[in-house]
Amino acid sequence: MRIIRASEINSFLYCERAWWYHLQGLPSANQADLQDGQLAHRSHAARVQRAIWKLRIAYALLVLAVIFWLWYLIG
């Protein structure tokens, strides 16, 4: 039994003909748009990863600042 994924149901609901062509293994006619979309998603994912690392660094610096502040108060 073949597993049907939510993305496949979405594809079917969006355009039954495109879903059928994809199921038959026929390539999409808008390859340039698909590649542009893949590039946009990769670029966005890279920006998200950079933002996550910047947030981690900010939290680490905040923890260090609190440690130094407590050290200053105690010492």
N, C-alpha and C. Protein backbone atom coordinates (compact mmCIF):
# COMPACT_ATOMS: atom_id res chain seq x y z
N MET A 1 0.85 -1.18 0.00
CA MET A 1 0.00 0.00 0.00
C MET A 1 0.90 1.24 0.00
N ARG A 2 0.59 2.17 -0.89
CA ARG A 2 1.38 3.38 -1.03
C ARG A 2 0.95 4.42 0.01
N ILE A 3 1.94 5.09 0.60
CA ILE A 3 1.66 6.14 1.58
C ILE A 3 1.33 7.42 0.84
N ILE A 4 0.22 8.04 1.20
CA ILE A 4 -0.18 9.32 0.60
C ILE A 4 0.15 10.41 1.61
N ARG A 5 0.98 11.34 1.19
CA ARG A 5 1.41 12.43 2.06
C ARG A 5 0.49 13.64 1.92
N ALA A 6 0.53 14.50 2.92
CA ALA A 6 -0.30 15.70 2.90
C ALA A 6 0.05 16.59 1.72
N SER A 7 1.34 16.67 1.36
CA SER A 7 1.73 17.51 0.23
C SER A 7 1.14 16.98 -1.08
N GLU A 8 0.99 15.66 -1.18
CA GLU A 8 0.39 15.09 -2.37
C GLU A 8 -1.10 15.41 -2.44
N ILE A 9 -1.77 15.38 -1.31
CA ILE A 9 -3.19 15.75 -1.28
C ILE A 9 -3.34 17.21 -1.66
N ASN A 10 -2.44 18.05 -1.14
CA ASN A 10 -2.47 19.47 -1.47
C ASN A 10 -2.26 19.67 -2.96
N SER A 11 -1.31 18.95 -3.53
CA SER A 11 -1.04 19.03 -4.97
C SER A 11 -2.27 18.62 -5.77
N PHE A 12 -2.93 17.56 -5.34
CA PHE A 12 -4.14 17.08 -6.02
C PHE A 12 -5.25 18.13 -5.94
N LEU A 13 -5.44 18.71 -4.76
CA LEU A 13 -6.50 19.69 -4.58
C LEU A 13 -6.22 20.97 -5.37
N TYR A 14 -4.94 21.31 -5.49
CA TYR A 14 -4.57 22.52 -6.24
C TYR A 14 -4.80 22.32 -7.73
N CYS A 15 -4.33 21.20 -8.28
CA CYS A 15 -4.50 20.95 -9.71
C CYS A 15 -4.41 19.45 -9.96
N GLU A 16 -5.57 18.85 -10.23
CA GLU A 16 -5.62 17.40 -10.42
C GLU A 16 -4.76 16.96 -11.61
N ARG A 17 -4.74 17.75 -12.66
CA ARG A 17 -3.99 17.38 -13.85
C ARG A 17 -2.48 17.39 -13.56
N ALA A 18 -2.01 18.43 -12.88
CA ALA A 18 -0.58 18.50 -12.54
C ALA A 18 -0.20 17.34 -11.63
N TRP A 19 -1.09 17.00 -10.69
CA TRP A 19 -0.85 15.86 -9.81
C TRP A 19 -0.73 14.58 -10.62
N TRP A 20 -1.62 14.39 -11.60
CA TRP A 20 -1.60 13.18 -12.42
C TRP A 20 -0.32 13.12 -13.25
N TYR A 21 0.07 14.25 -13.85
CA TYR A 21 1.31 14.28 -14.64
C TYR A 21 2.51 13.91 -13.76
N HIS A 22 2.53 14.45 -12.56
CA HIS A 22 3.63 14.15 -11.64
C HIS A 22 3.63 12.66 -11.28
N LEU A 23 2.45 12.09 -11.07
CA LEU A 23 2.32 10.68 -10.74
C LEU A 23 2.82 9.80 -11.90
N GLN A 24 2.63 10.27 -13.13
CA GLN A 24 3.08 9.54 -14.31
C GLN A 24 4.57 9.75 -14.59
N GLY A 25 5.20 10.65 -13.84
CA GLY A 25 6.63 10.89 -14.02
C GLY A 25 6.95 11.91 -15.10
N LEU A 26 5.96 12.65 -15.55
CA LEU A 26 6.19 13.66 -16.57
C LEU A 26 6.73 14.93 -15.92
N PRO A 27 7.73 15.56 -16.53
CA PRO A 27 8.30 16.77 -15.93
C PRO A 27 7.35 17.95 -16.04
N SER A 28 7.46 18.86 -15.11
CA SER A 28 6.63 20.06 -15.12
C SER A 28 7.09 21.00 -16.23
N ALA A 29 6.16 21.73 -16.78
CA ALA A 29 6.48 22.66 -17.88
C ALA A 29 7.17 23.92 -17.38
N ASN A 30 7.07 24.21 -16.11
CA ASN A 30 7.65 25.45 -15.58
C ASN A 30 8.90 25.17 -14.74
N GLN A 31 9.86 24.51 -15.33
CA GLN A 31 11.09 24.15 -14.63
C GLN A 31 11.84 25.37 -14.13
N ALA A 32 11.84 26.45 -14.91
CA ALA A 32 12.55 27.67 -14.48
C ALA A 32 11.94 28.23 -13.20
N ASP A 33 10.62 28.27 -13.13
CA ASP A 33 9.95 28.76 -11.91
C ASP A 33 10.22 27.85 -10.73
N LEU A 34 10.23 26.55 -10.97
CA LEU A 34 10.52 25.61 -9.88
C LEU A 34 11.94 25.79 -9.35
N GLN A 35 12.89 26.00 -10.25
CA GLN A 35 14.27 26.20 -9.82
C GLN A 35 14.41 27.53 -9.08
N ASP A 36 13.70 28.56 -9.56
CA ASP A 36 13.72 29.84 -8.84
C ASP A 36 13.15 29.69 -7.43
N GLY A 37 12.09 28.90 -7.32
CA GLY A 37 11.50 28.66 -6.00
C GLY A 37 12.43 27.89 -5.08
N GLN A 38 13.13 26.90 -5.62
CA GLN A 38 14.08 26.14 -4.82
C GLN A 38 15.22 27.04 -4.35
N LEU A 39 15.70 27.91 -5.24
CA LEU A 39 16.76 28.84 -4.86
C LEU A 39 16.29 29.80 -3.77
N ALA A 40 15.06 30.30 -3.91
CA ALA A 40 14.51 31.20 -2.89
C ALA A 40 14.39 30.49 -1.55
N HIS A 41 13.95 29.23 -1.55
CA HIS A 41 13.82 28.49 -0.29
C HIS A 41 15.19 28.22 0.33
N ARG A 42 16.19 27.89 -0.49
CA ARG A 42 17.53 27.67 0.07
C ARG A 42 18.09 28.96 0.66
N SER A 43 17.87 30.07 -0.03
CA SER A 43 18.35 31.36 0.48
C SER A 43 17.66 31.71 1.80
N HIS A 44 16.37 31.49 1.86
CA HIS A 44 15.63 31.77 3.10
C HIS A 44 16.11 30.88 4.24
N ALA A 45 16.33 29.60 3.95
CA ALA A 45 16.81 28.67 4.98
C ALA A 45 18.16 29.10 5.51
N ALA A 46 19.04 29.59 4.63
CA ALA A 46 20.35 30.06 5.07
C ALA A 46 20.21 31.28 5.98
N ARG A 47 19.30 32.20 5.62
CA ARG A 47 19.08 33.38 6.47
C ARG A 47 18.52 32.98 7.83
N VAL A 48 17.62 32.00 7.85
CA VAL A 48 17.06 31.53 9.12
C VAL A 48 18.15 30.91 9.98
N GLN A 49 19.04 30.11 9.38
CA GLN A 49 20.13 29.49 10.14
C GLN A 49 21.06 30.56 10.72
N ARG A 50 21.36 31.60 9.94
CA ARG A 50 22.20 32.69 10.46
C ARG A 50 21.51 33.39 11.62
N ALA A 51 20.22 33.61 11.51
CA ALA A 51 19.47 34.26 12.59
C ALA A 51 19.48 33.41 13.85
N ILE A 52 19.34 32.10 13.69
CA ILE A 52 19.37 31.20 14.85
C ILE A 52 20.73 31.28 15.54
N TRP A 53 21.83 31.26 14.76
CA TRP A 53 23.15 31.34 15.36
C TRP A 53 23.37 32.68 16.04
N LYS A 54 22.88 33.77 15.45
CA LYS A 54 23.01 35.08 16.08
C LYS A 54 22.24 35.12 17.39
N LEU A 55 21.08 34.50 17.43
CA LEU A 55 20.30 34.45 18.67
C LEU A 55 21.03 33.64 19.74
N ARG A 56 21.64 32.53 19.36
CA ARG A 56 22.40 31.73 20.32
C ARG A 56 23.58 32.52 20.88
N ILE A 57 24.27 33.23 20.01
CA ILE A 57 25.41 34.05 20.46
C ILE A 57 24.92 35.14 21.39
N ALA A 58 23.79 35.76 21.07
CA ALA A 58 23.24 36.81 21.93
C ALA A 58 22.90 36.26 23.31
N TYR A 59 22.29 35.08 23.36
CA TYR A 59 21.98 34.47 24.66
C TYR A 59 23.25 34.15 25.44
N ALA A 60 24.27 33.65 24.76
CA ALA A 60 25.53 33.34 25.43
C ALA A 60 26.16 34.60 25.99
N LEU A 61 26.14 35.69 25.22
CA LEU A 61 26.69 36.96 25.71
C LEU A 61 25.89 37.50 26.88
N LEU A 62 24.58 37.31 26.84
CA LEU A 62 23.74 37.75 27.96
C LEU A 62 24.08 36.97 29.22
N VAL A 63 24.26 35.66 29.09
CA VAL A 63 24.63 34.84 30.24
C VAL A 63 25.98 35.29 30.79
N LEU A 64 26.94 35.53 29.91
CA LEU A 64 28.25 36.02 30.36
C LEU A 64 28.14 37.36 31.07
N ALA A 65 27.31 38.25 30.54
CA ALA A 65 27.14 39.57 31.16
C ALA A 65 26.55 39.42 32.56
N VAL A 66 25.57 38.53 32.73
CA VAL A 66 24.97 38.31 34.05
C VAL A 66 25.99 37.72 35.00
N ILE A 67 26.81 36.78 34.52
CA ILE A 67 27.84 36.17 35.36
C ILE A 67 28.84 37.23 35.81
N PHE A 68 29.31 38.08 34.90
CA PHE A 68 30.26 39.13 35.27
C PHE A 68 29.62 40.15 36.20
N TRP A 69 28.35 40.46 36.00
CA TRP A 69 27.65 41.41 36.87
C TRP A 69 27.54 40.84 38.28
N LEU A 70 27.19 39.54 38.39
CA LEU A 70 27.11 38.91 39.71
C LEU A 70 28.48 38.85 40.36
N TRP A 71 29.50 38.57 39.59
CA TRP A 71 30.86 38.52 40.10
C TRP A 71 31.28 39.90 40.62
N TYR A 72 30.87 40.93 39.91
CA TYR A 72 31.17 42.29 40.34
C TYR A 72 30.46 42.62 41.65
N LEU A 73 29.19 42.21 41.79
CA LEU A 73 28.42 42.49 42.99
C LEU A 73 28.98 41.73 44.20
N ILE A 74 29.37 40.49 43.99
CA ILE A 74 29.86 39.67 45.09
C ILE A 74 31.28 40.06 45.47
N GLY A 75 32.11 40.29 44.44
CA GLY A 75 33.52 40.55 44.70
C GLY A 75 33.76 41.96 45.01
